[in-house]
PDB file of N, CA and C in Angstrom:
ATOM      1  N   MET A   1       0.607  -1.126  -0.095  1.00  0.00           N
ATOM      2  CA  MET A   1       0.108  -0.190  -0.038  1.00  0.00           C
ATOM      3  C   MET A   1       0.805   1.266  -0.136  1.00  0.00           C
ATOM      4  N   ASN A   2       2.165   1.295   0.052  1.00  0.00           N
ATOM      5  CA  ASN A   2       3.025   2.247   0.039  1.00  0.00           C
ATOM      6  C   ASN A   2       3.194   2.911  -1.073  1.00  0.00           C
ATOM      7  N   PRO A   3       3.437   4.296  -1.541  1.00  0.00           N
ATOM      8  CA  PRO A   3       3.438   5.021  -2.733  1.00  0.00           C
ATOM      9  C   PRO A   3       4.621   4.546  -3.316  1.00  0.00           C
ATOM     10  N   PRO A   4       4.969   4.472  -4.639  1.00  0.00           N
ATOM     11  CA  PRO A   4       6.278   4.092  -5.184  1.00  0.00           C
ATOM     12  C   PRO A   4       7.379   5.273  -4.883  1.00  0.00           C
ATOM     13  N   THR A   5       6.984   6.222  -4.477  1.00  0.00           N
ATOM     14  CA  THR A   5       8.181   7.212  -4.275  1.00  0.00           C
ATOM     15  C   THR A   5       8.692   6.651  -2.876  1.00  0.00           C
ATOM     16  N   SER A   6       8.100   6.042  -1.837  1.00  0.00           N
ATOM     17  CA  SER A   6       8.746   5.768  -0.720  1.00  0.00           C
ATOM     18  C   SER A   6       9.715   4.615  -0.758  1.00  0.00           C
ATOM     19  N   THR A   7       9.656   3.910  -2.069  1.00  0.00           N
ATOM     20  CA  THR A   7      10.470   2.696  -2.070  1.00  0.00           C
ATOM     21  C   THR A   7      11.640   3.001  -3.010  1.00  0.00           C
ATOM     22  N   PRO A   8      12.602   3.221  -2.672  1.00  0.00           N
ATOM     23  CA  PRO A   8      14.008   3.418  -3.226  1.00  0.00           C
ATOM     24  C   PRO A   8      14.558   1.861  -3.922  1.00  0.00           C
ATOM     25  N   THR A   9      15.089   2.306  -4.835  1.00  0.00           N
ATOM     26  CA  THR A   9      15.915   0.858  -5.827  1.00  0.00           C
ATOM     27  C   THR A   9      16.660   0.193  -4.585  1.00  0.00           C
ATOM     28  N   SER A  10      17.228   0.978  -3.698  1.00  0.00           N
ATOM     29  CA  SER A  10      18.415   0.486  -2.940  1.00  0.00           C
ATOM     30  C   SER A  10      17.614  -0.830  -1.950  1.00  0.00           C
ATOM     31  N   SER A  11      16.344  -0.561  -1.699  1.00  0.00           N
ATOM     32  CA  SER A  11      15.912  -1.609  -0.734  1.00  0.00           C
ATOM     33  C   SER A  11      15.698  -2.706  -1.489  1.00  0.00           C
ATOM     34  N   SER A  12      15.767  -2.901  -2.590  1.00  0.00           N
ATOM     35  CA  SER A  12      15.534  -4.276  -3.464  1.00  0.00           C
ATOM     36  C   SER A  12      16.808  -5.042  -3.087  1.00  0.00           C
ATOM     37  N   SER A  13      17.804  -4.503  -2.803  1.00  0.00           N
ATOM     38  CA  SER A  13      19.272  -5.400  -2.694  1.00  0.00           C
ATOM     39  C   SER A  13      18.983  -6.161  -1.288  1.00  0.00           C
ATOM     40  N   GLY A  14      18.262  -5.677  -0.276  1.00  0.00           N
ATOM     41  CA  GLY A  14      18.149  -6.184   0.820  1.00  0.00           C
ATOM     42  C   GLY A  14      16.720  -7.108   1.081  1.00  0.00           C
ATOM     43  N   ALA A  15      16.107  -6.956   0.070  1.00  0.00           N
ATOM     44  CA  ALA A  15      14.855  -7.634   0.065  1.00  0.00           C
ATOM     45  C   ALA A  15      14.532  -8.475  -1.506  1.00  0.00           C
ATOM     46  N   THR A  16      15.684  -9.278  -1.693  1.00  0.00           N
ATOM     47  CA  THR A  16      15.572 -10.088  -3.029  1.00  0.00           C
ATOM     48  C   THR A  16      14.883 -11.414  -2.972  1.00  0.00           C
ATOM     49  N   GLN A  17      14.510 -11.613  -1.747  1.00  0.00           N
ATOM     50  CA  GLN A  17      13.940 -12.900  -1.627  1.00  0.00           C
ATOM     51  C   GLN A  17      12.336 -12.488  -1.591  1.00  0.00           C
ATOM     52  N   LEU A  18      12.030 -11.106  -1.338  1.00  0.00           N
ATOM     53  CA  LEU A  18      10.560 -10.716  -1.404  1.00  0.00           C
ATOM     54  C   LEU A  18      10.162  -9.920  -2.620  1.00  0.00           C
ATOM     55  N   ALA A  19      10.988 -10.561  -3.784  1.00  0.00           N
ATOM     56  CA  ALA A  19      10.615  -9.736  -5.204  1.00  0.00           C
ATOM     57  C   ALA A  19       9.351 -10.273  -5.833  1.00  0.00           C
ATOM     58  N   ILE A  20       8.360 -10.632  -5.249  1.00  0.00           N
ATOM     59  CA  ILE A  20       7.306 -11.269  -5.570  1.00  0.00           C
ATOM     60  C   ILE A  20       6.220 -10.037  -5.648  1.00  0.00           C
ATOM     61  N   PRO A  21       5.443  -9.982  -7.035  1.00  0.00           N
ATOM     62  CA  PRO A  21       4.389  -8.936  -7.201  1.00  0.00           C
ATOM     63  C   PRO A  21       3.559  -9.255  -6.187  1.00  0.00           C
ATOM     64  N   ALA A  22       2.411  -8.122  -5.889  1.00  0.00           N
ATOM     65  CA  ALA A  22       1.138  -8.256  -4.986  1.00  0.00           C
ATOM     66  C   ALA A  22       0.425  -9.065  -5.279  1.00  0.00           C
ATOM     67  N   TRP A  23       0.177  -9.219  -6.744  1.00  0.00           N
ATOM     68  CA  TRP A  23      -0.929  -9.733  -7.162  1.00  0.00           C
ATOM     69  C   TRP A  23      -0.619 -11.359  -7.358  1.00  0.00           C
ATOM     70  N   LEU A  24       0.606 -11.643  -7.358  1.00  0.00           N
ATOM     71  CA  LEU A  24       0.968 -13.038  -7.510  1.00  0.00           C
ATOM     72  C   LEU A  24       0.848 -13.919  -5.873  1.00  0.00           C
ATOM     73  N   ILE A  25       0.712 -13.346  -5.083  1.00  0.00           N
ATOM     74  CA  ILE A  25       0.396 -14.158  -3.969  1.00  0.00           C
ATOM     75  C   ILE A  25      -0.894 -14.566  -3.913  1.00  0.00           C
ATOM     76  N   PRO A  26      -2.169 -13.830  -4.136  1.00  0.00           N
ATOM     77  CA  PRO A  26      -3.500 -14.438  -4.134  1.00  0.00           C
ATOM     78  C   PRO A  26      -3.609 -15.649  -5.121  1.00  0.00           C
ATOM     79  N   LEU A  27      -2.799 -15.334  -6.237  1.00  0.00           N
ATOM     80  CA  LEU A  27      -2.928 -16.010  -7.411  1.00  0.00           C
ATOM     81  C   LEU A  27      -2.186 -17.406  -7.104  1.00  0.00           C
ATOM     82  N   LEU A  28      -1.209 -17.567  -6.353  1.00  0.00           N
ATOM     83  CA  LEU A  28      -0.520 -18.597  -6.025  1.00  0.00           C
ATOM     84  C   LEU A  28      -1.403 -19.251  -4.927  1.00  0.00           C
ATOM     85  N   VAL A  29      -2.135 -18.718  -4.133  1.00  0.00           N
ATOM     86  CA  VAL A  29      -3.063 -19.464  -3.241  1.00  0.00           C
ATOM     87  C   VAL A  29      -4.082 -19.966  -3.929  1.00  0.00           C
ATOM     88  N   ILE A  30      -4.765 -19.193  -4.698  1.00  0.00           N
ATOM     89  CA  ILE A  30      -6.058 -19.849  -5.460  1.00  0.00           C
ATOM     90  C   ILE A  30      -5.473 -21.098  -6.220  1.00  0.00           C
ATOM     91  N   ALA A  31      -4.065 -21.033  -6.963  1.00  0.00           N
ATOM     92  CA  ALA A  31      -3.659 -22.061  -7.928  1.00  0.00           C
ATOM     93  C   ALA A  31      -3.375 -23.337  -6.689  1.00  0.00           C
ATOM     94  N   GLY A  32      -2.728 -23.098  -5.652  1.00  0.00           N
ATOM     95  CA  GLY A  32      -2.480 -24.246  -4.607  1.00  0.00           C
ATOM     96  C   GLY A  32      -3.909 -24.729  -4.620  1.00  0.00           C
ATOM     97  N   PHE A  33      -4.830 -23.928  -3.910  1.00  0.00           N
ATOM     98  CA  PHE A  33      -6.190 -24.408  -3.516  1.00  0.00           C
ATOM     99  C   PHE A  33      -6.811 -25.298  -4.845  1.00  0.00           C
ATOM    100  N   ALA A  34      -6.516 -24.695  -5.947  1.00  0.00           N
ATOM    101  CA  ALA A  34      -7.139 -25.484  -7.073  1.00  0.00           C
ATOM    102  C   ALA A  34      -6.743 -26.711  -7.278  1.00  0.00           C
ATOM    103  N   LEU A  35      -5.314 -26.974  -7.329  1.00  0.00           N
ATOM    104  CA  LEU A  35      -4.439 -28.107  -7.292  1.00  0.00           C
ATOM    105  C   LEU A  35      -4.893 -29.212  -6.083  1.00  0.00           C
ATOM    106  N   LEU A  36      -5.142 -28.524  -5.196  1.00  0.00           N
ATOM    107  CA  LEU A  36      -5.551 -29.448  -4.069  1.00  0.00           C
ATOM    108  C   LEU A  36      -6.853 -30.080  -4.165  1.00  0.00           C
ATOM    109  N   MET A  37      -7.733 -29.388  -4.743  1.00  0.00           N
ATOM    110  CA  MET A  37      -9.350 -29.686  -4.900  1.00  0.00           C
ATOM    111  C   MET A  37      -9.224 -30.776  -6.078  1.00  0.00           C
ATOM    112  N   LEU A  38      -8.365 -30.484  -7.018  1.00  0.00           N
ATOM    113  CA  LEU A  38      -8.202 -31.462  -8.295  1.00  0.00           C
ATOM    114  C   LEU A  38      -7.473 -32.825  -7.658  1.00  0.00           C
ATOM    115  N   ALA A  39      -6.722 -32.749  -7.023  1.00  0.00           N
ATOM    116  CA  ALA A  39      -6.029 -33.770  -6.117  1.00  0.00           C
ATOM    117  C   ALA A  39      -7.120 -34.633  -5.449  1.00  0.00           C
ATOM    118  N   ILE A  40      -7.915 -34.044  -4.711  1.00  0.00           N
ATOM    119  CA  ILE A  40      -9.014 -34.766  -3.924  1.00  0.00           C
ATOM    120  C   ILE A  40      -9.991 -35.316  -4.976  1.00  0.00           C
ATOM    121  N   TRP A  41     -10.427 -34.613  -6.107  1.00  0.00           N
ATOM    122  CA  TRP A  41     -11.427 -34.977  -6.930  1.00  0.00           C
ATOM    123  C   TRP A  41     -10.692 -36.041  -7.616  1.00  0.00           C
ATOM    124  N   ILE A  42      -9.439 -36.318  -8.154  1.00  0.00           N
ATOM    125  CA  ILE A  42      -8.888 -37.376  -8.778  1.00  0.00           C
ATOM    126  C   ILE A  42      -8.847 -38.602  -7.751  1.00  0.00           C
ATOM    127  N   PHE A  43      -8.612 -38.377  -6.477  1.00  0.00           N
ATOM    128  CA  PHE A  43      -8.489 -39.273  -5.657  1.00  0.00           C
ATOM    129  C   PHE A  43      -9.735 -40.019  -5.284  1.00  0.00           C
ATOM    130  N   LEU A  44     -10.728 -38.948  -5.078  1.00  0.00           N
ATOM    131  CA  LEU A  44     -12.019 -39.693  -5.055  1.00  0.00           C
ATOM    132  C   LEU A  44     -12.633 -40.496  -6.399  1.00  0.00           C
ATOM    133  N   ARG A  45     -12.308 -39.829  -7.339  1.00  0.00           N
ATOM    134  CA  ARG A  45     -12.915 -40.610  -8.543  1.00  0.00           C
ATOM    135  C   ARG A  45     -12.100 -41.963  -8.787  1.00  0.00           C
ATOM    136  N   ARG A  46     -10.912 -42.074  -8.306  1.00  0.00           N
ATOM    137  CA  ARG A  46     -10.055 -43.226  -8.461  1.00  0.00           C
ATOM    138  C   ARG A  46     -10.638 -44.428  -7.434  1.00  0.00           C
ATOM    139  N   ALA A  47     -11.191 -43.785  -6.231  1.00  0.00           N
ATOM    140  CA  ALA A  47     -11.666 -44.753  -5.319  1.00  0.00           C
ATOM    141  C   ALA A  47     -13.066 -45.166  -5.511  1.00  0.00           C
ATOM    142  N   ALA A  48     -13.690 -44.274  -6.087  1.00  0.00           N
ATOM    143  CA  ALA A  48     -15.279 -44.586  -6.456  1.00  0.00           C
ATOM    144  C   ALA A  48     -14.979 -45.851  -7.710  1.00  0.00           C
ATOM    145  N   SER A  49     -14.025 -45.450  -8.708  1.00  0.00           N
ATOM    146  CA  SER A  49     -13.857 -46.411  -9.851  1.00  0.00           C
ATOM    147  C   SER A  49     -13.533 -47.954  -9.688  1.00  0.00           C
ATOM    148  N   SER A  50     -12.666 -47.856  -8.549  1.00  0.00           N
ATOM    149  CA  SER A  50     -12.202 -49.366  -7.776  1.00  0.00           C
ATOM    150  C   SER A  50     -13.270 -49.929  -7.200  1.00  0.00           C
ATOM    151  N   GLN A  51     -14.239 -49.422  -6.715  1.00  0.00           N
ATOM    152  CA  GLN A  51     -15.146 -50.346  -6.159  1.00  0.00           C
ATOM    153  C   GLN A  51     -16.102 -51.095  -7.185  1.00  0.00           C
TER     154      GLN A  51
END
């Protein structure tokens, strides 16, 4: 939520591990949740087809 003027380029050298865009974090959460639901759905389909 900081304005771009308060973030100098020198701060990027100390926070290189946090070089993730803000929009990428919820996207990763949604993608991980979708993969989890897909894995559960495939597991339930395989369990139902084995009976």
